[in-house]
Amino acid sequence: MRAAAAVALGATALLPAVGTVAGAAALTPDQGSVTHRTSAAVGDDHASHSHGHGQFRGLSAARAATAQFHGVGTAEAAGYSRLPAPAPLHECIDADVDLDDQDDKPAMGIHWVNGALLDGTVDVSKPEVLVYEPKRNGQLELVALEYVVFEADWGAHGTRPAPQLFGQTFMYVAAPNRYDLPAFYALHAWVWKNNPDGVLAAMNPWATCRYAAKVG
């Protein structure tokens, strides 16, 4: 399934670097310490407090491991690539909703995928996907990480709950889906751009695909 997943994502295609980015927004302590009480009972303040500190450490580790990838060229040298058109994930991904101004839709961004990491495991320091936001000047800004596990790979280890990271259960995306991918689990971590919906939310209302055409 690992090989099939990599083919499905087109992750072996390396594209030329499309630009670099300047500084990224810092993760605030409040954002990094968001507590999703998946392992501690509501009302258990001590467990919740410990969980929050653990999540902050995990997010800090993720930032440290990916600080080198602000430049797309560096990411591509490490095995990440943008999927070729016409794959749906070649495009800048935003919320599947209808608004009066479509440019105001919450967004994820453009995905750079590392097929070698689609191995059915989860590692804080090795996100399967780097997410970049297209900017007005045509450059790309690293804004988020995405951890991805295909359902078939996860199930190959036996029946078990959905994967978790930073104390948060991964979102399950069934097939068929808008990405034309097999069923998978995913979790975003907005460690390079503040997200008012939460550091682990899928979409970010402060991110936009408005300038995607400038990237190509």
Foldseek 3Di string as FASTA:
>chain_A
DLVVQCVLQQLQDADDFLAADDAFDADDLVQQQDFDPPPPDPPPVVVRNVLSVLSSVLLVLLCVLCVQPRGVNSVVVVRWHFHDPPQLLNAFAFDPDDDPDPQQTFGFAHKTARSVPQQQDDDSSDARIWHWFQDPQQHTGTFKGKHKYAPVNVCVVPDDAADDDSSDGFDWDDPPDPRNGHTMTMWMARRRHDAPVGRTDNTGSVTGNVCVVSND
